[in-house]
Amino acid sequence: MGQKMRAAVIGSGNIGTDLLIKSKRTTDQIEIIAMVGIDPESDGLARAERLGVATTSDGIDGLVAMDEFADVELVFDATSAGAHERHNEVLQAAGKRILDLTPAAIGPYVVPPVNGADHLDAPNINMVTCGGQATVPMIAAVNRVAPVVYGEIVSSISSRSAGPGTRANIDEFTETTSKAITAVGGAQMGKAIIVLNPAEPPLIMRNTVFTLIEGGEPEEIDLSIKEMVASVNSYVPGYRLKQEVQFEPIDDKSPVRIPELDRKFTGWKVSIFLEVEGAGHYLPNYAGNLDIMTSAALKTAEAIHTGGVS
C-alpha cells in the first residue's frame, strides 16, 4: 500500500526503543511519528529525537496533547500491565487502535503465525509475552496434528535484557502466557515459567516446550513443527530449533497421571528446544526476547494496515 500507517510508541525503554529502530529498518508500511516516555533523560527519547520523531516525557497525557496525536492511527504500548489499563481507557476514548506489548491481556491474544488474521478489527490487540510469541507457535504446531492435553513452556532470558517493565510483570507474564497456551495454542491445559538468567557473558534466549499428546505420528508432528519454525523465522530470523524434536512414548505400563484432569494419560511426550537470537537493532543479539516481541508487533501492525493481505 502506498501510504504508511502512522503510529506512536508509549514506553521509551528497551522494548519501545527496539520497536522504534526496527520500524525504521524493517518495514515500509509503518511510520512511527511519536514516542512517549516518563523519563526526559531516557536513551529511547534521545534516539527518537535524533531520528526526527516527536517526543514527550509526560506520559499518556503528553501524547494526547501533542499535535501529532491527531494523525496517529495505531499506538504500541511497551510499558507495563498496570500502566496499560489507563492507557487503554484514554486511547479507546480517543478512537485509537492499540497494540499491547504488555501482558495486561485486555484485548484478544495474537501470535502472528497461529491466529494473525483473526482479530485485526479489535480495538486492542494483546501480543501476549516474549515467551508466548516464542512457544505458542510450537504448541499450535503439535496440536494441529494431535490433541495437546498438556503444554508447558520454560523461557530463559538474560537478566540484562529484562528492563523494569519486564521485571514488574513477572506474575502477569506467567498468567498471560499460560492462558495463551490454551486460548491460542489449543492445549487443554497450560503452564508457563520464566527464568531471568544472570550468566555472564549473557546467554541467548532459550525456550523449552513440553507437550503431552494423544495419538499422532512423530513424523507428521516433526514436520508440522519445522514448518511452523520456518513461519516464525520469516519475520524473526534468529528463531530456530536448538536440536531435533524429542519423542518419548507413554504407554499403559508407565502412564502419566494428570491430577487436574483426574485421569491417567498415555500417548507421547514431545519436547521442543528453541533458541531466539536477536537482530541487534538496539540491544545485543542475546536479547531475542525483545526481538521476537517487537517483530511480532510490527508483523501484526502490517496485517492491520493491509487487512491481512501480505
C-alpha atoms as a PDB file:
ATOM      1  CA  MET A   1       0.000   0.000   0.000  1.00  0.00           C
ATOM      2  CA  GLY A   2       1.293   3.477  -0.856  1.00  0.00           C
ATOM      3  CA  GLN A   3       0.582   5.323   2.391  1.00  0.00           C
ATOM      4  CA  LYS A   4       2.175   4.198   5.623  1.00  0.00           C
ATOM      5  CA  MET A   5       0.172   3.647   8.805  1.00  0.00           C
ATOM      6  CA  ARG A   6       1.189   6.331  11.289  1.00  0.00           C
ATOM      7  CA  ALA A   7       1.858   5.102  14.806  1.00  0.00           C
ATOM      8  CA  ALA A   8       3.046   6.145  18.247  1.00  0.00           C
ATOM      9  CA  VAL A   9       5.043   4.198  20.831  1.00  0.00           C
ATOM     10  CA  ILE A  10       4.365   4.535  24.544  1.00  0.00           C
ATOM     11  CA  GLY A  11       7.418   3.449  26.512  1.00  0.00           C
ATOM     12  CA  SER A  12      10.973   4.600  25.874  1.00  0.00           C
ATOM     13  CA  GLY A  13      12.659   1.588  27.473  1.00  0.00           C
ATOM     14  CA  ASN A  14      14.236  -1.467  25.859  1.00  0.00           C
ATOM     15  CA  ILE A  15      11.170  -2.766  24.012  1.00  0.00           C
ATOM     16  CA  GLY A  16       9.871   0.616  22.869  1.00  0.00           C
ATOM     17  CA  THR A  17      13.275   1.730  21.622  1.00  0.00           C
ATOM     18  CA  ASP A  18      13.930  -1.542  19.801  1.00  0.00           C
ATOM     19  CA  LEU A  19      10.493  -1.254  18.204  1.00  0.00           C
ATOM     20  CA  LEU A  20      11.238   2.291  17.014  1.00  0.00           C
ATOM     21  CA  ILE A  21      14.591   1.376  15.484  1.00  0.00           C
ATOM     22  CA  LYS A  22      13.249  -1.830  13.933  1.00  0.00           C
ATOM     23  CA  SER A  23      10.390   0.099  12.324  1.00  0.00           C
ATOM     24  CA  LYS A  24      12.942   2.301  10.564  1.00  0.00           C
ATOM     25  CA  ARG A  25      14.910  -0.682   9.263  1.00  0.00           C
ATOM     26  CA  THR A  26      12.467  -3.486   8.526  1.00  0.00           C
ATOM     27  CA  THR A  27       9.103  -2.141   7.346  1.00  0.00           C
ATOM     28  CA  ASP A  28       7.906   0.238   4.662  1.00  0.00           C
ATOM     29  CA  GLN A  29       4.308   0.111   5.925  1.00  0.00           C
ATOM     30  CA  ILE A  30       4.502   1.550   9.459  1.00  0.00           C
ATOM     31  CA  GLU A  31       5.805   5.017  10.327  1.00  0.00           C
ATOM     32  CA  ILE A  32       6.293   5.882  13.995  1.00  0.00           C
ATOM     33  CA  ILE A  33       5.717   9.612  14.334  1.00  0.00           C
ATOM     34  CA  ALA A  34       5.674   9.977  18.137  1.00  0.00           C
ATOM     35  CA  MET A  35       7.422   8.384  21.111  1.00  0.00           C
ATOM     36  CA  VAL A  36       6.272   8.723  24.704  1.00  0.00           C
ATOM     37  CA  GLY A  37       8.175   8.230  27.949  1.00  0.00           C
ATOM     38  CA  ILE A  38       8.212   9.421  31.545  1.00  0.00           C
ATOM     39  CA  ASP A  39      11.960   9.978  31.913  1.00  0.00           C
ATOM     40  CA  PRO A  40      13.192  13.019  29.976  1.00  0.00           C
ATOM     41  CA  GLU A  41      16.754  11.654  30.180  1.00  0.00           C
ATOM     42  CA  SER A  42      15.921   8.232  28.710  1.00  0.00           C
ATOM     43  CA  ASP A  43      18.063   6.918  25.885  1.00  0.00           C
ATOM     44  CA  GLY A  44      14.927   5.970  23.948  1.00  0.00           C
ATOM     45  CA  LEU A  45      13.622   9.544  23.784  1.00  0.00           C
ATOM     46  CA  ALA A  46      17.063  10.841  22.854  1.00  0.00           C
ATOM     47  CA  ARG A  47      17.318   8.340  19.990  1.00  0.00           C
ATOM     48  CA  ALA A  48      13.808   9.189  18.814  1.00  0.00           C
ATOM     49  CA  GLU A  49      14.677  12.894  18.669  1.00  0.00           C
ATOM     50  CA  ARG A  50      17.793  12.137  16.617  1.00  0.00           C
ATOM     51  CA  LEU A  51      15.608  10.170  14.201  1.00  0.00           C
ATOM     52  CA  GLY A  52      13.241  13.117  13.790  1.00  0.00           C
ATOM     53  CA  VAL A  53      10.405  11.565  15.798  1.00  0.00           C
ATOM     54  CA  ALA A  54       8.282  13.831  18.022  1.00  0.00           C
ATOM     55  CA  THR A  55       8.725  13.047  21.727  1.00  0.00           C
ATOM     56  CA  THR A  56       7.225  13.765  25.114  1.00  0.00           C
ATOM     57  CA  SER A  57       8.277  12.737  28.623  1.00  0.00           C
ATOM     58  CA  ASP A  58       4.823  13.476  30.055  1.00  0.00           C
ATOM     59  CA  GLY A  59       3.371  10.010  29.535  1.00  0.00           C
ATOM     60  CA  ILE A  60      -0.043   9.370  28.012  1.00  0.00           C
ATOM     61  CA  ASP A  61      -1.238  12.892  28.833  1.00  0.00           C
ATOM     62  CA  GLY A  62       1.718  14.293  26.915  1.00  0.00           C
ATOM     63  CA  LEU A  63       0.833  12.126  23.912  1.00  0.00           C
ATOM     64  CA  VAL A  64      -2.761  13.349  23.857  1.00  0.00           C
ATOM     65  CA  ALA A  65      -1.513  16.950  23.977  1.00  0.00           C
ATOM     66  CA  MET A  66       0.856  16.502  21.029  1.00  0.00           C
ATOM     67  CA  ASP A  67      -0.094  17.927  17.632  1.00  0.00           C
ATOM     68  CA  GLU A  68       0.898  14.580  16.092  1.00  0.00           C
ATOM     69  CA  PHE A  69      -1.749  12.726  18.126  1.00  0.00           C
ATOM     70  CA  ALA A  70      -4.486  13.624  15.639  1.00  0.00           C
ATOM     71  CA  ASP A  71      -2.597  11.768  12.889  1.00  0.00           C
ATOM     72  CA  VAL A  72      -1.824   8.653  14.949  1.00  0.00           C
ATOM     73  CA  GLU A  73      -3.773   5.618  13.736  1.00  0.00           C
ATOM     74  CA  LEU A  74      -2.167   2.953  15.929  1.00  0.00           C
ATOM     75  CA  VAL A  75      -0.464   3.047  19.323  1.00  0.00           C
ATOM     76  CA  PHE A  76       2.097   0.487  20.504  1.00  0.00           C
ATOM     77  CA  ASP A  77       2.113   0.223  24.306  1.00  0.00           C
ATOM     78  CA  ALA A  78       5.504  -1.002  25.561  1.00  0.00           C
ATOM     79  CA  THR A  79       5.148  -0.056  29.229  1.00  0.00           C
ATOM     80  CA  SER A  80       3.686  -2.307  31.939  1.00  0.00           C
ATOM     81  CA  ALA A  81       0.482  -4.216  32.531  1.00  0.00           C
ATOM     82  CA  GLY A  82      -0.607  -1.820  35.266  1.00  0.00           C
ATOM     83  CA  ALA A  83       0.048   1.301  33.209  1.00  0.00           C
ATOM     84  CA  HIS A  84      -1.692  -0.161  30.180  1.00  0.00           C
ATOM     85  CA  GLU A  85      -5.077  -0.153  31.906  1.00  0.00           C
ATOM     86  CA  ARG A  86      -5.196   3.649  31.940  1.00  0.00           C
ATOM     87  CA  HIS A  87      -3.559   3.931  28.528  1.00  0.00           C
ATOM     88  CA  ASN A  88      -6.286   1.710  27.119  1.00  0.00           C
ATOM     89  CA  GLU A  89      -9.049   3.857  28.588  1.00  0.00           C
ATOM     90  CA  VAL A  90      -7.560   7.096  27.240  1.00  0.00           C
ATOM     91  CA  LEU A  91      -6.732   5.732  23.794  1.00  0.00           C
ATOM     92  CA  GLN A  92     -10.006   3.948  23.199  1.00  0.00           C
ATOM     93  CA  ALA A  93     -11.903   7.082  24.245  1.00  0.00           C
ATOM     94  CA  ALA A  94      -9.913   8.907  21.557  1.00  0.00           C
ATOM     95  CA  GLY A  95     -10.713   6.239  18.974  1.00  0.00           C
ATOM     96  CA  LYS A  96      -7.136   4.981  18.615  1.00  0.00           C
ATOM     97  CA  ARG A  97      -6.219   1.377  17.770  1.00  0.00           C
ATOM     98  CA  ILE A  98      -3.868  -0.287  20.275  1.00  0.00           C
ATOM     99  CA  LEU A  99      -1.206  -2.984  20.021  1.00  0.00           C
ATOM    100  CA  ASP A 100      -0.402  -4.005  23.582  1.00  0.00           C
ATOM    101  CA  LEU A 101       3.109  -5.388  24.177  1.00  0.00           C
ATOM    102  CA  THR A 102       2.459  -5.759  27.917  1.00  0.00           C
ATOM    103  CA  PRO A 103       0.848  -8.831  29.483  1.00  0.00           C
ATOM    104  CA  ALA A 104      -2.245  -6.827  30.503  1.00  0.00           C
ATOM    105  CA  ALA A 105      -4.353  -9.012  28.194  1.00  0.00           C
ATOM    106  CA  ILE A 106      -7.261  -6.585  27.862  1.00  0.00           C
ATOM    107  CA  GLY A 107      -7.719  -7.434  24.193  1.00  0.00           C
ATOM    108  CA  PRO A 108      -7.550 -10.786  22.375  1.00  0.00           C
ATOM    109  CA  TYR A 109      -4.224 -12.626  22.156  1.00  0.00           C
ATOM    110  CA  VAL A 110      -2.458 -12.610  18.788  1.00  0.00           C
ATOM    111  CA  VAL A 111       0.513 -14.756  17.745  1.00  0.00           C
ATOM    112  CA  PRO A 112       1.098 -13.972  14.045  1.00  0.00           C
ATOM    113  CA  PRO A 113       1.703 -17.440  12.512  1.00  0.00           C
ATOM    114  CA  VAL A 114      -1.141 -19.005  14.513  1.00  0.00           C
ATOM    115  CA  ASN A 115      -4.023 -16.504  14.539  1.00  0.00           C
ATOM    116  CA  GLY A 116      -2.556 -13.387  12.962  1.00  0.00           C
ATOM    117  CA  ALA A 117      -5.626 -12.700  10.832  1.00  0.00           C
ATOM    118  CA  ASP A 118      -8.290 -13.411  13.456  1.00  0.00           C
ATOM    119  CA  HIS A 119      -8.550 -10.127  15.401  1.00  0.00           C
ATOM    120  CA  LEU A 120      -7.459  -7.390  13.021  1.00  0.00           C
ATOM    121  CA  ASP A 121     -10.598  -5.344  13.734  1.00  0.00           C
ATOM    122  CA  ALA A 122     -10.196  -5.462  17.534  1.00  0.00           C
ATOM    123  CA  PRO A 123      -9.612  -2.027  19.119  1.00  0.00           C
ATOM    124  CA  ASN A 124      -6.990  -3.501  21.449  1.00  0.00           C
ATOM    125  CA  ILE A 125      -4.784  -6.458  20.468  1.00  0.00           C
ATOM    126  CA  ASN A 126      -2.542  -8.172  23.009  1.00  0.00           C
ATOM    127  CA  MET A 127       0.814  -9.566  21.879  1.00  0.00           C
ATOM    128  CA  VAL A 128       0.951 -11.994  24.847  1.00  0.00           C
ATOM    129  CA  THR A 129       4.601 -12.114  26.041  1.00  0.00           C
ATOM    130  CA  CYS A 130       8.039 -12.832  24.640  1.00  0.00           C
ATOM    131  CA  GLY A 131       7.746 -16.398  25.922  1.00  0.00           C
ATOM    132  CA  GLY A 132       4.301 -16.716  24.386  1.00  0.00           C
ATOM    133  CA  GLN A 133       5.453 -15.464  20.982  1.00  0.00           C
ATOM    134  CA  ALA A 134       8.316 -17.975  21.048  1.00  0.00           C
ATOM    135  CA  THR A 135       6.471 -21.050  22.304  1.00  0.00           C
ATOM    136  CA  VAL A 136       2.763 -20.841  21.479  1.00  0.00           C
ATOM    137  CA  PRO A 137       3.501 -21.487  17.771  1.00  0.00           C
ATOM    138  CA  MET A 138       5.092 -24.790  18.800  1.00  0.00           C
ATOM    139  CA  ILE A 139       2.072 -25.793  20.888  1.00  0.00           C
ATOM    140  CA  ALA A 140      -0.157 -24.971  17.936  1.00  0.00           C
ATOM    141  CA  ALA A 141       2.086 -26.889  15.530  1.00  0.00           C
ATOM    142  CA  VAL A 142       1.759 -30.037  17.621  1.00  0.00           C
ATOM    143  CA  ASN A 143      -1.947 -29.518  18.278  1.00  0.00           C
ATOM    144  CA  ARG A 144      -2.852 -29.281  14.596  1.00  0.00           C
ATOM    145  CA  VAL A 145      -1.606 -32.870  14.205  1.00  0.00           C
ATOM    146  CA  ALA A 146      -2.667 -34.412  17.526  1.00  0.00           C
ATOM    147  CA  PRO A 147      -4.611 -33.004  20.531  1.00  0.00           C
ATOM    148  CA  VAL A 148      -2.334 -31.456  23.148  1.00  0.00           C
ATOM    149  CA  VAL A 149      -3.613 -32.476  26.562  1.00  0.00           C
ATOM    150  CA  TYR A 150      -0.959 -30.532  28.458  1.00  0.00           C
ATOM    151  CA  GLY A 151       1.554 -27.894  27.344  1.00  0.00           C
ATOM    152  CA  GLU A 152       4.340 -26.486  29.492  1.00  0.00           C
ATOM    153  CA  ILE A 153       6.910 -23.882  28.486  1.00  0.00           C
ATOM    154  CA  VAL A 154      10.061 -22.592  30.144  1.00  0.00           C
ATOM    155  CA  SER A 155      11.570 -19.355  28.814  1.00  0.00           C
ATOM    156  CA  SER A 156      15.057 -18.382  29.907  1.00  0.00           C
ATOM    157  CA  ILE A 157      16.206 -14.854  29.108  1.00  0.00           C
ATOM    158  CA  SER A 158      19.300 -12.883  30.008  1.00  0.00           C
ATOM    159  CA  SER A 159      18.728 -10.702  33.051  1.00  0.00           C
ATOM    160  CA  ARG A 160      20.471  -7.907  31.140  1.00  0.00           C
ATOM    161  CA  SER A 161      17.634  -7.850  28.608  1.00  0.00           C
ATOM    162  CA  ALA A 162      14.933  -7.638  31.283  1.00  0.00           C
ATOM    163  CA  GLY A 163      14.158  -3.994  31.965  1.00  0.00           C
ATOM    164  CA  PRO A 164      11.999  -2.572  34.774  1.00  0.00           C
ATOM    165  CA  GLY A 165       8.762  -3.248  32.879  1.00  0.00           C
ATOM    166  CA  THR A 166       9.602  -6.920  32.347  1.00  0.00           C
ATOM    167  CA  ARG A 167      10.616  -7.378  35.973  1.00  0.00           C
ATOM    168  CA  ALA A 168       7.443  -5.700  37.211  1.00  0.00           C
ATOM    169  CA  ASN A 169       5.324  -8.040  35.090  1.00  0.00           C
ATOM    170  CA  ILE A 170       6.665 -11.464  36.088  1.00  0.00           C
ATOM    171  CA  ASP A 171       3.359 -12.626  37.606  1.00  0.00           C
ATOM    172  CA  GLU A 172       1.385 -11.310  34.646  1.00  0.00           C
ATOM    173  CA  PHE A 173       3.874 -12.987  32.295  1.00  0.00           C
ATOM    174  CA  THR A 174       3.198 -16.444  33.702  1.00  0.00           C
ATOM    175  CA  GLU A 175      -0.566 -15.979  33.824  1.00  0.00           C
ATOM    176  CA  THR A 176      -0.931 -14.473  30.349  1.00  0.00           C
ATOM    177  CA  THR A 177       1.424 -16.978  28.710  1.00  0.00           C
ATOM    178  CA  SER A 178      -0.352 -19.894  30.373  1.00  0.00           C
ATOM    179  CA  LYS A 179      -3.696 -18.662  29.065  1.00  0.00           C
ATOM    180  CA  ALA A 180      -2.324 -18.202  25.555  1.00  0.00           C
ATOM    181  CA  ILE A 181      -1.056 -21.789  25.540  1.00  0.00           C
ATOM    182  CA  THR A 182      -4.684 -22.887  25.706  1.00  0.00           C
ATOM    183  CA  ALA A 183      -6.531 -19.994  24.022  1.00  0.00           C
ATOM    184  CA  VAL A 184      -4.205 -19.725  21.002  1.00  0.00           C
ATOM    185  CA  GLY A 185      -2.065 -22.856  21.094  1.00  0.00           C
ATOM    186  CA  GLY A 186      -5.053 -25.145  21.608  1.00  0.00           C
ATOM    187  CA  ALA A 187      -3.771 -27.147  24.588  1.00  0.00           C
ATOM    188  CA  GLN A 188      -6.333 -28.343  27.109  1.00  0.00           C
ATOM    189  CA  MET A 189      -4.061 -27.174  29.956  1.00  0.00           C
ATOM    190  CA  GLY A 190      -1.034 -24.901  30.032  1.00  0.00           C
ATOM    191  CA  LYS A 191       1.743 -23.760  32.339  1.00  0.00           C
ATOM    192  CA  ALA A 192       4.449 -21.135  31.835  1.00  0.00           C
ATOM    193  CA  ILE A 193       7.709 -20.456  33.678  1.00  0.00           C
ATOM    194  CA  ILE A 194      10.190 -17.611  33.100  1.00  0.00           C
ATOM    195  CA  VAL A 195      13.818 -17.617  34.224  1.00  0.00           C
ATOM    196  CA  LEU A 196      15.978 -14.476  34.361  1.00  0.00           C
ATOM    197  CA  ASN A 197      19.457 -15.865  33.778  1.00  0.00           C
ATOM    198  CA  PRO A 198      22.265 -13.784  35.358  1.00  0.00           C
ATOM    199  CA  ALA A 199      25.028 -15.629  33.476  1.00  0.00           C
ATOM    200  CA  GLU A 200      27.978 -13.633  32.123  1.00  0.00           C
ATOM    201  CA  PRO A 201      28.501 -13.349  29.269  1.00  0.00           C
ATOM    202  CA  PRO A 202      24.735 -13.103  28.683  1.00  0.00           C
ATOM    203  CA  LEU A 203      23.046 -16.116  27.111  1.00  0.00           C
ATOM    204  CA  ILE A 204      20.734 -16.026  24.110  1.00  0.00           C
ATOM    205  CA  MET A 205      17.030 -16.566  24.833  1.00  0.00           C
ATOM    206  CA  ARG A 206      16.221 -20.282  25.183  1.00  0.00           C
ATOM    207  CA  ASN A 207      12.773 -21.866  25.292  1.00  0.00           C
ATOM    208  CA  THR A 208      11.774 -25.403  26.160  1.00  0.00           C
ATOM    209  CA  VAL A 209       8.320 -26.670  25.204  1.00  0.00           C
ATOM    210  CA  PHE A 210       6.883 -29.881  26.642  1.00  0.00           C
ATOM    211  CA  THR A 211       3.617 -31.325  25.371  1.00  0.00           C
ATOM    212  CA  LEU A 212       1.633 -34.432  26.223  1.00  0.00           C
ATOM    213  CA  ILE A 213      -0.425 -35.588  23.264  1.00  0.00           C
ATOM    214  CA  GLU A 214      -2.868 -38.347  22.466  1.00  0.00           C
ATOM    215  CA  GLY A 215      -2.264 -40.148  19.182  1.00  0.00           C
ATOM    216  CA  GLY A 216      -0.394 -38.681  16.258  1.00  0.00           C
ATOM    217  CA  GLU A 217       2.619 -39.866  14.319  1.00  0.00           C
ATOM    218  CA  PRO A 218       6.070 -38.485  15.225  1.00  0.00           C
ATOM    219  CA  GLU A 219       6.961 -37.884  11.577  1.00  0.00           C
ATOM    220  CA  GLU A 220       3.869 -35.740  10.974  1.00  0.00           C
ATOM    221  CA  ILE A 221       4.370 -33.819  14.217  1.00  0.00           C
ATOM    222  CA  ASP A 222       8.053 -33.218  13.463  1.00  0.00           C
ATOM    223  CA  LEU A 223       7.162 -31.867  10.011  1.00  0.00           C
ATOM    224  CA  SER A 224       4.456 -29.594  11.436  1.00  0.00           C
ATOM    225  CA  ILE A 225       6.894 -28.186  13.994  1.00  0.00           C
ATOM    226  CA  LYS A 226       9.562 -27.474  11.384  1.00  0.00           C
ATOM    227  CA  GLU A 227       7.040 -25.780   9.103  1.00  0.00           C
ATOM    228  CA  MET A 228       5.984 -23.541  11.987  1.00  0.00           C
ATOM    229  CA  VAL A 229       9.610 -22.745  12.835  1.00  0.00           C
ATOM    230  CA  ALA A 230      10.053 -21.573   9.238  1.00  0.00           C
ATOM    231  CA  SER A 231       6.944 -19.380   9.545  1.00  0.00           C
ATOM    232  CA  VAL A 232       8.260 -17.623  12.658  1.00  0.00           C
ATOM    233  CA  ASN A 233      11.757 -17.413  11.180  1.00  0.00           C
ATOM    234  CA  SER A 234      10.361 -15.461   8.224  1.00  0.00           C
ATOM    235  CA  TYR A 235       9.929 -12.397  10.487  1.00  0.00           C
ATOM    236  CA  VAL A 236      12.334 -13.351  13.327  1.00  0.00           C
ATOM    237  CA  PRO A 237      15.489 -14.542  11.523  1.00  0.00           C
ATOM    238  CA  GLY A 238      17.146 -15.645  14.777  1.00  0.00           C
ATOM    239  CA  TYR A 239      14.340 -18.097  15.654  1.00  0.00           C
ATOM    240  CA  ARG A 240      15.466 -21.723  15.327  1.00  0.00           C
ATOM    241  CA  LEU A 241      15.364 -25.225  16.760  1.00  0.00           C
ATOM    242  CA  LYS A 242      18.307 -25.813  19.079  1.00  0.00           C
ATOM    243  CA  GLN A 243      18.199 -29.596  18.493  1.00  0.00           C
ATOM    244  CA  GLU A 244      15.955 -32.226  16.977  1.00  0.00           C
ATOM    245  CA  VAL A 245      12.461 -32.676  18.409  1.00  0.00           C
ATOM    246  CA  GLN A 246      12.331 -35.458  21.000  1.00  0.00           C
ATOM    247  CA  PHE A 247       9.524 -38.030  21.261  1.00  0.00           C
ATOM    248  CA  GLU A 248       9.004 -40.238  24.317  1.00  0.00           C
ATOM    249  CA  PRO A 249       6.215 -42.851  24.268  1.00  0.00           C
ATOM    250  CA  ILE A 250       3.977 -43.075  27.337  1.00  0.00           C
ATOM    251  CA  ASP A 251       2.171 -46.424  27.474  1.00  0.00           C
ATOM    252  CA  ASP A 252      -0.090 -48.321  29.856  1.00  0.00           C
ATOM    253  CA  LYS A 253       2.923 -49.653  31.757  1.00  0.00           C
ATOM    254  CA  SER A 254       4.165 -46.163  32.649  1.00  0.00           C
ATOM    255  CA  PRO A 255       1.233 -43.757  32.350  1.00  0.00           C
ATOM    256  CA  VAL A 256       1.382 -40.131  33.452  1.00  0.00           C
ATOM    257  CA  ARG A 257      -1.286 -39.023  35.890  1.00  0.00           C
ATOM    258  CA  ILE A 258      -2.685 -35.553  35.372  1.00  0.00           C
ATOM    259  CA  PRO A 259      -4.462 -34.604  38.630  1.00  0.00           C
ATOM    260  CA  GLU A 260      -6.305 -31.645  37.094  1.00  0.00           C
ATOM    261  CA  LEU A 261      -7.895 -33.959  34.504  1.00  0.00           C
ATOM    262  CA  ASP A 262      -8.444 -36.749  37.068  1.00  0.00           C
ATOM    263  CA  ARG A 263      -7.181 -39.485  34.766  1.00  0.00           C
ATOM    264  CA  LYS A 264      -4.113 -41.300  33.555  1.00  0.00           C
ATOM    265  CA  PHE A 265      -2.553 -40.288  30.276  1.00  0.00           C
ATOM    266  CA  THR A 266      -0.973 -42.407  27.566  1.00  0.00           C
ATOM    267  CA  GLY A 267       0.413 -41.174  24.273  1.00  0.00           C
ATOM    268  CA  TRP A 268       3.541 -39.146  23.535  1.00  0.00           C
ATOM    269  CA  LYS A 269       5.662 -36.649  25.378  1.00  0.00           C
ATOM    270  CA  VAL A 270       7.046 -34.204  22.794  1.00  0.00           C
ATOM    271  CA  SER A 271       9.972 -31.962  23.790  1.00  0.00           C
ATOM    272  CA  ILE A 272      10.976 -28.961  21.670  1.00  0.00           C
ATOM    273  CA  PHE A 273      14.103 -26.879  22.295  1.00  0.00           C
ATOM    274  CA  LEU A 274      14.315 -23.395  20.792  1.00  0.00           C
ATOM    275  CA  GLU A 275      16.780 -20.553  20.590  1.00  0.00           C
ATOM    276  CA  VAL A 276      15.912 -16.955  19.724  1.00  0.00           C
ATOM    277  CA  GLU A 277      18.775 -14.697  18.727  1.00  0.00           C
ATOM    278  CA  GLY A 278      18.060 -11.008  18.428  1.00  0.00           C
ATOM    279  CA  ALA A 279      18.790  -8.942  15.345  1.00  0.00           C
ATOM    280  CA  GLY A 280      20.857  -6.445  17.346  1.00  0.00           C
ATOM    281  CA  HIS A 281      18.801  -3.433  16.266  1.00  0.00           C
ATOM    282  CA  TYR A 282      19.024  -1.846  19.725  1.00  0.00           C
ATOM    283  CA  LEU A 283      20.331  -4.292  22.312  1.00  0.00           C
ATOM    284  CA  PRO A 284      22.928  -7.001  21.621  1.00  0.00           C
ATOM    285  CA  ASN A 285      21.980 -10.261  19.924  1.00  0.00           C
ATOM    286  CA  TYR A 286      21.359 -12.132  23.185  1.00  0.00           C
ATOM    287  CA  ALA A 287      18.124 -10.135  23.654  1.00  0.00           C
ATOM    288  CA  GLY A 288      15.979 -12.388  21.477  1.00  0.00           C
ATOM    289  CA  ASN A 289      13.107 -11.906  23.916  1.00  0.00           C
ATOM    290  CA  LEU A 290      12.883  -8.249  22.856  1.00  0.00           C
ATOM    291  CA  ASP A 291      13.362  -9.033  19.191  1.00  0.00           C
ATOM    292  CA  ILE A 292      10.537 -11.552  18.949  1.00  0.00           C
ATOM    293  CA  MET A 293       8.080  -9.213  20.687  1.00  0.00           C
ATOM    294  CA  THR A 294       8.835  -6.177  18.560  1.00  0.00           C
ATOM    295  CA  SER A 295       8.982  -8.261  15.370  1.00  0.00           C
ATOM    296  CA  ALA A 296       5.608  -9.852  16.148  1.00  0.00           C
ATOM    297  CA  ALA A 297       4.114  -6.434  16.917  1.00  0.00           C
ATOM    298  CA  LEU A 298       5.297  -4.960  13.613  1.00  0.00           C
ATOM    299  CA  LYS A 299       4.090  -8.064  11.751  1.00  0.00           C
ATOM    300  CA  THR A 300       0.648  -7.600  13.304  1.00  0.00           C
ATOM    301  CA  ALA A 301       0.629  -3.860  12.606  1.00  0.00           C
ATOM    302  CA  GLU A 302       1.370  -4.574   8.947  1.00  0.00           C
ATOM    303  CA  ALA A 303      -1.541  -7.046   8.858  1.00  0.00           C
ATOM    304  CA  ILE A 304      -3.838  -4.394  10.334  1.00  0.00           C
ATOM    305  CA  HIS A 305      -2.645  -1.894   7.732  1.00  0.00           C
ATOM    306  CA  THR A 306      -3.189  -4.238   4.784  1.00  0.00           C
ATOM    307  CA  GLY A 307      -6.267  -6.003   6.114  1.00  0.00           C
ATOM    308  CA  GLY A 308      -4.334  -9.247   6.408  1.00  0.00           C
ATOM    309  CA  VAL A 309      -3.134  -9.228   2.799  1.00  0.00           C
ATOM    310  CA  SER A 310       0.627  -9.791   2.766  1.00  0.00           C
END
